[in-house]
Amino acid sequence: MNGPTRGYWCECWTKDVTTTEGPTRLASFNAYSAPQADRWVAIALRTISPALDSDASDEAWAWLHDERAETRRALLRSEPCTVTITHASTRVTWTIRPVLFLPLAHRQNAELPPCAHSFQPRATD
């Protein structure tokens, strides 16, 4: 990657709706296309759907069959999307946001700037 690359930052958050504590990030994923981003959510929903209660399972399959195409169209328009299901007292939310991935500097000695070699770590006591 030589310059910024368009993609999607995907996260999965869970929240116990019976507490006042904030959500917890369960997973994240960087996707490089809208189909790859919505496929990440689809695979997760298909994987967990057998363990969901009937209402949550219905929510999952509604998105998989009826709403997934709209999610992909929104992503192609560079709009962020969320998919949420609630199982018992746990709300699971997948977020997908269009982003620009920036290239990172390589960390091989041959490619480090000259000033990197002047750093001397301090001795510990």
N, C-alpha and C. Protein backbone atom coordinates (compact mmCIF):
# COMPACT_ATOMS: atom_id res chain seq x y z
N MET A 1 0.85 -1.16 0.00
CA MET A 1 0.00 0.00 0.00
C MET A 1 0.90 1.23 0.00
N ASN A 2 0.88 2.01 -1.08
CA ASN A 2 1.73 3.18 -1.20
C ASN A 2 1.05 4.46 -0.73
N GLY A 3 -0.25 4.52 -0.80
CA GLY A 3 -0.98 5.70 -0.39
C GLY A 3 -2.24 5.29 0.32
N PRO A 4 -3.09 6.25 0.66
CA PRO A 4 -4.35 5.90 1.32
C PRO A 4 -5.19 4.95 0.46
N THR A 5 -5.82 3.99 1.12
CA THR A 5 -6.66 3.02 0.44
C THR A 5 -8.06 3.08 1.05
N ARG A 6 -9.06 3.18 0.21
CA ARG A 6 -10.44 3.19 0.71
C ARG A 6 -10.81 1.81 1.23
N GLY A 7 -11.57 1.81 2.29
CA GLY A 7 -12.03 0.56 2.87
C GLY A 7 -13.11 0.82 3.89
N TYR A 8 -13.32 -0.16 4.75
CA TYR A 8 -14.38 -0.09 5.76
C TYR A 8 -13.85 -0.62 7.08
N TRP A 9 -14.10 0.12 8.16
CA TRP A 9 -13.73 -0.31 9.50
C TRP A 9 -14.98 -0.92 10.12
N CYS A 10 -14.87 -2.20 10.49
CA CYS A 10 -16.00 -2.96 11.00
C CYS A 10 -15.74 -3.32 12.46
N GLU A 11 -16.75 -3.16 13.29
CA GLU A 11 -16.63 -3.52 14.70
C GLU A 11 -17.88 -4.25 15.15
N CYS A 12 -17.70 -5.08 16.16
CA CYS A 12 -18.82 -5.75 16.80
C CYS A 12 -18.80 -5.37 18.28
N TRP A 13 -19.90 -4.80 18.76
CA TRP A 13 -20.02 -4.35 20.14
C TRP A 13 -21.12 -5.13 20.83
N THR A 14 -20.93 -5.40 22.12
CA THR A 14 -21.99 -6.03 22.91
C THR A 14 -22.29 -5.13 24.11
N LYS A 15 -23.54 -5.19 24.56
CA LYS A 15 -23.95 -4.41 25.73
C LYS A 15 -25.01 -5.18 26.48
N ASP A 16 -24.80 -5.27 27.79
CA ASP A 16 -25.82 -5.85 28.66
C ASP A 16 -26.84 -4.74 28.91
N VAL A 17 -28.05 -4.91 28.42
CA VAL A 17 -29.05 -3.85 28.50
C VAL A 17 -29.63 -3.69 29.90
N THR A 18 -29.29 -4.60 30.82
CA THR A 18 -29.79 -4.49 32.19
C THR A 18 -28.87 -3.69 33.10
N THR A 19 -27.72 -3.23 32.57
CA THR A 19 -26.78 -2.46 33.38
C THR A 19 -26.57 -1.08 32.76
N THR A 20 -25.91 -0.24 33.52
CA THR A 20 -25.59 1.10 33.02
C THR A 20 -24.19 1.15 32.42
N GLU A 21 -23.48 0.03 32.47
CA GLU A 21 -22.14 0.00 31.89
C GLU A 21 -22.22 0.17 30.37
N GLY A 22 -21.17 0.74 29.84
CA GLY A 22 -21.12 0.98 28.40
C GLY A 22 -20.88 -0.31 27.63
N PRO A 23 -20.93 -0.21 26.32
CA PRO A 23 -20.71 -1.39 25.48
C PRO A 23 -19.24 -1.83 25.50
N THR A 24 -19.03 -3.07 25.11
CA THR A 24 -17.70 -3.65 25.03
C THR A 24 -17.44 -4.06 23.58
N ARG A 25 -16.29 -3.66 23.06
CA ARG A 25 -15.95 -4.07 21.70
C ARG A 25 -15.51 -5.53 21.74
N LEU A 26 -16.18 -6.35 20.95
CA LEU A 26 -15.90 -7.77 20.91
C LEU A 26 -14.93 -8.13 19.80
N ALA A 27 -15.03 -7.44 18.66
CA ALA A 27 -14.19 -7.76 17.52
C ALA A 27 -14.11 -6.56 16.59
N SER A 28 -13.06 -6.56 15.76
CA SER A 28 -12.94 -5.53 14.71
C SER A 28 -12.32 -6.18 13.49
N PHE A 29 -12.54 -5.53 12.36
CA PHE A 29 -12.11 -6.11 11.09
C PHE A 29 -11.94 -4.98 10.08
N ASN A 30 -10.88 -5.01 9.30
CA ASN A 30 -10.74 -4.03 8.22
C ASN A 30 -11.07 -4.72 6.90
N ALA A 31 -12.06 -4.17 6.22
CA ALA A 31 -12.51 -4.71 4.94
C ALA A 31 -12.11 -3.73 3.84
N TYR A 32 -11.83 -4.28 2.66
CA TYR A 32 -11.39 -3.44 1.56
C TYR A 32 -12.44 -3.30 0.46
N SER A 33 -13.65 -3.83 0.73
CA SER A 33 -14.76 -3.65 -0.21
C SER A 33 -16.07 -3.75 0.57
N ALA A 34 -17.13 -3.18 0.00
CA ALA A 34 -18.45 -3.26 0.63
C ALA A 34 -18.90 -4.71 0.77
N PRO A 35 -18.73 -5.55 -0.27
CA PRO A 35 -19.14 -6.96 -0.10
C PRO A 35 -18.37 -7.66 1.02
N GLN A 36 -17.09 -7.37 1.16
CA GLN A 36 -16.31 -8.00 2.22
C GLN A 36 -16.82 -7.54 3.59
N ALA A 37 -17.18 -6.28 3.72
CA ALA A 37 -17.67 -5.73 4.99
C ALA A 37 -19.00 -6.36 5.38
N ASP A 38 -19.97 -6.37 4.46
CA ASP A 38 -21.27 -6.94 4.84
C ASP A 38 -21.20 -8.46 4.98
N ARG A 39 -20.25 -9.09 4.29
CA ARG A 39 -20.07 -10.54 4.44
C ARG A 39 -19.57 -10.88 5.84
N TRP A 40 -18.74 -10.01 6.43
CA TRP A 40 -18.25 -10.22 7.79
C TRP A 40 -19.42 -10.30 8.77
N VAL A 41 -20.38 -9.38 8.62
CA VAL A 41 -21.57 -9.38 9.48
C VAL A 41 -22.42 -10.61 9.17
N ALA A 42 -22.61 -10.91 7.91
CA ALA A 42 -23.45 -12.05 7.52
C ALA A 42 -22.91 -13.36 8.08
N ILE A 43 -21.61 -13.56 8.00
CA ILE A 43 -21.01 -14.79 8.53
C ILE A 43 -21.23 -14.88 10.04
N ALA A 44 -21.04 -13.76 10.73
CA ALA A 44 -21.25 -13.76 12.18
C ALA A 44 -22.71 -14.09 12.52
N LEU A 45 -23.65 -13.47 11.81
CA LEU A 45 -25.06 -13.73 12.09
C LEU A 45 -25.44 -15.18 11.80
N ARG A 46 -24.97 -15.71 10.70
CA ARG A 46 -25.27 -17.12 10.39
C ARG A 46 -24.65 -18.06 11.41
N THR A 47 -23.47 -17.70 11.90
CA THR A 47 -22.79 -18.55 12.88
C THR A 47 -23.52 -18.58 14.21
N ILE A 48 -23.99 -17.43 14.68
CA ILE A 48 -24.62 -17.40 16.00
C ILE A 48 -26.12 -17.65 15.98
N SER A 49 -26.75 -17.59 14.81
CA SER A 49 -28.22 -17.68 14.76
C SER A 49 -28.80 -18.95 15.41
N PRO A 50 -28.16 -20.12 15.33
CA PRO A 50 -28.75 -21.28 16.00
C PRO A 50 -28.84 -21.14 17.52
N ALA A 51 -28.00 -20.30 18.11
CA ALA A 51 -28.00 -20.12 19.56
C ALA A 51 -28.88 -18.98 20.04
N LEU A 52 -29.46 -18.22 19.12
CA LEU A 52 -30.28 -17.07 19.49
C LEU A 52 -31.69 -17.47 19.85
N ASP A 53 -32.33 -16.63 20.70
CA ASP A 53 -33.75 -16.85 20.96
C ASP A 53 -34.53 -16.52 19.69
N SER A 54 -35.80 -16.85 19.67
CA SER A 54 -36.56 -16.73 18.41
C SER A 54 -36.66 -15.30 17.90
N ASP A 55 -36.82 -14.32 18.80
CA ASP A 55 -36.90 -12.93 18.34
C ASP A 55 -35.58 -12.46 17.73
N ALA A 56 -34.47 -12.77 18.40
CA ALA A 56 -33.16 -12.37 17.89
C ALA A 56 -32.86 -13.09 16.57
N SER A 57 -33.24 -14.36 16.49
CA SER A 57 -33.04 -15.10 15.25
C SER A 57 -33.83 -14.47 14.11
N ASP A 58 -35.05 -14.06 14.40
CA ASP A 58 -35.87 -13.39 13.38
C ASP A 58 -35.21 -12.09 12.92
N GLU A 59 -34.64 -11.32 13.87
CA GLU A 59 -33.94 -10.08 13.52
C GLU A 59 -32.75 -10.38 12.61
N ALA A 60 -32.01 -11.41 12.98
CA ALA A 60 -30.82 -11.78 12.19
C ALA A 60 -31.21 -12.18 10.78
N TRP A 61 -32.20 -13.04 10.65
CA TRP A 61 -32.58 -13.51 9.32
C TRP A 61 -33.28 -12.43 8.50
N ALA A 62 -33.94 -11.50 9.18
CA ALA A 62 -34.54 -10.37 8.45
C ALA A 62 -33.45 -9.54 7.78
N TRP A 63 -32.36 -9.29 8.52
CA TRP A 63 -31.26 -8.54 7.92
C TRP A 63 -30.61 -9.34 6.79
N LEU A 64 -30.38 -10.63 7.03
CA LEU A 64 -29.73 -11.46 6.02
C LEU A 64 -30.53 -11.53 4.72
N HIS A 65 -31.85 -11.60 4.82
CA HIS A 65 -32.67 -11.79 3.63
C HIS A 65 -33.24 -10.49 3.04
N ASP A 66 -33.57 -9.53 3.89
CA ASP A 66 -34.28 -8.35 3.39
C ASP A 66 -33.44 -7.07 3.43
N GLU A 67 -32.58 -6.92 4.42
CA GLU A 67 -31.91 -5.64 4.64
C GLU A 67 -30.45 -5.61 4.20
N ARG A 68 -29.88 -6.76 3.95
CA ARG A 68 -28.45 -6.81 3.60
C ARG A 68 -28.15 -6.04 2.31
N ALA A 69 -29.01 -6.15 1.33
CA ALA A 69 -28.77 -5.45 0.06
C ALA A 69 -28.77 -3.94 0.27
N GLU A 70 -29.66 -3.44 1.12
CA GLU A 70 -29.69 -2.00 1.39
C GLU A 70 -28.43 -1.57 2.15
N THR A 71 -27.94 -2.42 3.04
CA THR A 71 -26.68 -2.12 3.74
C THR A 71 -25.55 -1.97 2.74
N ARG A 72 -25.47 -2.89 1.80
CA ARG A 72 -24.40 -2.82 0.80
C ARG A 72 -24.52 -1.57 -0.06
N ARG A 73 -25.74 -1.23 -0.47
CA ARG A 73 -25.93 -0.01 -1.27
C ARG A 73 -25.50 1.23 -0.48
N ALA A 74 -25.84 1.26 0.81
CA ALA A 74 -25.45 2.39 1.65
C ALA A 74 -23.92 2.47 1.76
N LEU A 75 -23.27 1.34 1.92
CA LEU A 75 -21.81 1.33 2.00
C LEU A 75 -21.18 1.84 0.70
N LEU A 76 -21.75 1.44 -0.42
CA LEU A 76 -21.24 1.91 -1.71
C LEU A 76 -21.43 3.41 -1.89
N ARG A 77 -22.40 3.99 -1.15
CA ARG A 77 -22.60 5.44 -1.16
C ARG A 77 -21.74 6.11 -0.08
N SER A 78 -20.85 5.34 0.55
CA SER A 78 -19.97 5.82 1.63
C SER A 78 -20.72 6.26 2.86
N GLU A 79 -21.81 5.56 3.16
CA GLU A 79 -22.59 5.84 4.37
C GLU A 79 -22.29 4.77 5.42
N PRO A 80 -22.15 5.15 6.69
CA PRO A 80 -21.94 4.15 7.73
C PRO A 80 -23.22 3.35 7.97
N CYS A 81 -23.07 2.12 8.44
CA CYS A 81 -24.21 1.25 8.67
C CYS A 81 -24.07 0.53 10.00
N THR A 82 -25.21 0.17 10.57
CA THR A 82 -25.21 -0.65 11.78
C THR A 82 -26.22 -1.76 11.61
N VAL A 83 -25.93 -2.88 12.24
CA VAL A 83 -26.84 -4.02 12.31
C VAL A 83 -26.91 -4.39 13.77
N THR A 84 -28.12 -4.45 14.33
CA THR A 84 -28.27 -4.73 15.76
C THR A 84 -29.29 -5.83 15.98
N ILE A 85 -28.95 -6.74 16.88
CA ILE A 85 -29.91 -7.74 17.35
C ILE A 85 -29.83 -7.77 18.87
N THR A 86 -30.91 -8.16 19.51
CA THR A 86 -30.93 -8.28 20.96
C THR A 86 -31.35 -9.69 21.32
N HIS A 87 -30.47 -10.35 22.05
CA HIS A 87 -30.71 -11.72 22.52
C HIS A 87 -30.74 -11.68 24.05
N ALA A 88 -31.88 -12.03 24.63
CA ALA A 88 -32.06 -11.97 26.08
C ALA A 88 -31.70 -10.56 26.54
N SER A 89 -30.69 -10.41 27.39
CA SER A 89 -30.32 -9.07 27.88
C SER A 89 -29.08 -8.52 27.18
N THR A 90 -28.68 -9.13 26.09
CA THR A 90 -27.48 -8.69 25.38
C THR A 90 -27.82 -8.11 24.02
N ARG A 91 -27.39 -6.88 23.81
CA ARG A 91 -27.54 -6.25 22.50
C ARG A 91 -26.20 -6.38 21.77
N VAL A 92 -26.24 -6.90 20.55
CA VAL A 92 -25.04 -7.04 19.73
C VAL A 92 -25.20 -6.10 18.55
N THR A 93 -24.20 -5.24 18.35
CA THR A 93 -24.26 -4.25 17.27
C THR A 93 -23.00 -4.35 16.44
N TRP A 94 -23.18 -4.51 15.14
CA TRP A 94 -22.07 -4.46 14.19
C TRP A 94 -22.11 -3.09 13.55
N THR A 95 -20.98 -2.42 13.49
CA THR A 95 -20.89 -1.13 12.81
C THR A 95 -19.92 -1.26 11.65
N ILE A 96 -20.24 -0.59 10.57
CA ILE A 96 -19.38 -0.55 9.38
C ILE A 96 -19.27 0.90 8.95
N ARG A 97 -18.03 1.40 8.91
CA ARG A 97 -17.82 2.80 8.53
C ARG A 97 -16.81 2.89 7.40
N PRO A 98 -17.12 3.68 6.39
CA PRO A 98 -16.12 3.92 5.33
C PRO A 98 -14.93 4.67 5.93
N VAL A 99 -13.72 4.26 5.55
CA VAL A 99 -12.51 4.88 6.07
C VAL A 99 -11.45 4.95 4.97
N LEU A 100 -10.39 5.67 5.24
CA LEU A 100 -9.18 5.64 4.43
C LEU A 100 -8.11 4.97 5.28
N PHE A 101 -7.58 3.85 4.80
CA PHE A 101 -6.49 3.18 5.49
C PHE A 101 -5.19 3.84 5.03
N LEU A 102 -4.38 4.26 5.99
CA LEU A 102 -3.11 4.90 5.67
C LEU A 102 -1.99 3.87 5.75
N PRO A 103 -1.01 3.97 4.87
CA PRO A 103 0.11 3.04 4.94
C PRO A 103 0.95 3.33 6.18
N LEU A 104 1.50 2.28 6.76
CA LEU A 104 2.37 2.44 7.91
C LEU A 104 3.82 2.28 7.48
N ALA A 105 4.72 2.91 8.22
CA ALA A 105 6.15 2.79 7.91
C ALA A 105 6.61 1.39 8.25
N HIS A 106 7.49 0.85 7.44
CA HIS A 106 8.07 -0.45 7.72
C HIS A 106 9.03 -0.33 8.89
N ARG A 107 9.21 -1.41 9.64
CA ARG A 107 10.06 -1.37 10.81
C ARG A 107 11.36 -2.14 10.63
N GLN A 108 11.76 -2.43 9.42
CA GLN A 108 13.04 -3.08 9.18
C GLN A 108 14.15 -2.03 9.37
N ASN A 109 15.30 -2.48 9.89
CA ASN A 109 16.43 -1.57 10.13
C ASN A 109 16.80 -0.78 8.90
N ALA A 110 16.79 -1.41 7.74
CA ALA A 110 17.22 -0.74 6.51
C ALA A 110 16.30 0.42 6.15
N GLU A 111 15.08 0.41 6.65
CA GLU A 111 14.13 1.44 6.26
C GLU A 111 13.85 2.45 7.37
N LEU A 112 14.49 2.30 8.54
CA LEU A 112 14.28 3.26 9.61
C LEU A 112 15.02 4.56 9.31
N PRO A 113 14.48 5.69 9.73
CA PRO A 113 15.19 6.95 9.51
C PRO A 113 16.45 6.99 10.37
N PRO A 114 17.44 7.79 9.97
CA PRO A 114 18.71 7.84 10.71
C PRO A 114 18.54 8.17 12.19
N CYS A 115 17.59 9.00 12.54
CA CYS A 115 17.41 9.39 13.94
C CYS A 115 17.00 8.21 14.83
N ALA A 116 16.46 7.13 14.24
CA ALA A 116 16.04 5.98 15.02
C ALA A 116 17.21 5.31 15.71
N HIS A 117 18.40 5.43 15.15
CA HIS A 117 19.58 4.78 15.72
C HIS A 117 20.20 5.60 16.85
N SER A 118 19.80 6.84 17.03
CA SER A 118 20.34 7.65 18.10
C SER A 118 19.58 7.45 19.42
N PHE A 119 18.49 6.75 19.39
CA PHE A 119 17.72 6.48 20.62
C PHE A 119 18.43 5.44 21.45
N GLN A 120 18.67 5.73 22.71
CA GLN A 120 19.30 4.79 23.63
C GLN A 120 18.33 4.55 24.79
N PRO A 121 17.88 3.33 24.98
CA PRO A 121 16.96 3.07 26.10
C PRO A 121 17.65 3.32 27.43
N ARG A 122 16.88 3.76 28.41
CA ARG A 122 17.41 4.01 29.74
C ARG A 122 17.59 2.69 30.48
N ALA A 123 18.61 2.64 31.28
CA ALA A 123 18.82 1.45 32.11
C ALA A 123 17.78 1.44 33.22
N THR A 124 17.27 0.28 33.54
CA THR A 124 16.29 0.16 34.61
C THR A 124 17.01 0.05 35.95
N ASP A 125 16.40 0.54 37.01
CA ASP A 125 17.00 0.47 38.34
C ASP A 125 16.86 -0.89 38.96
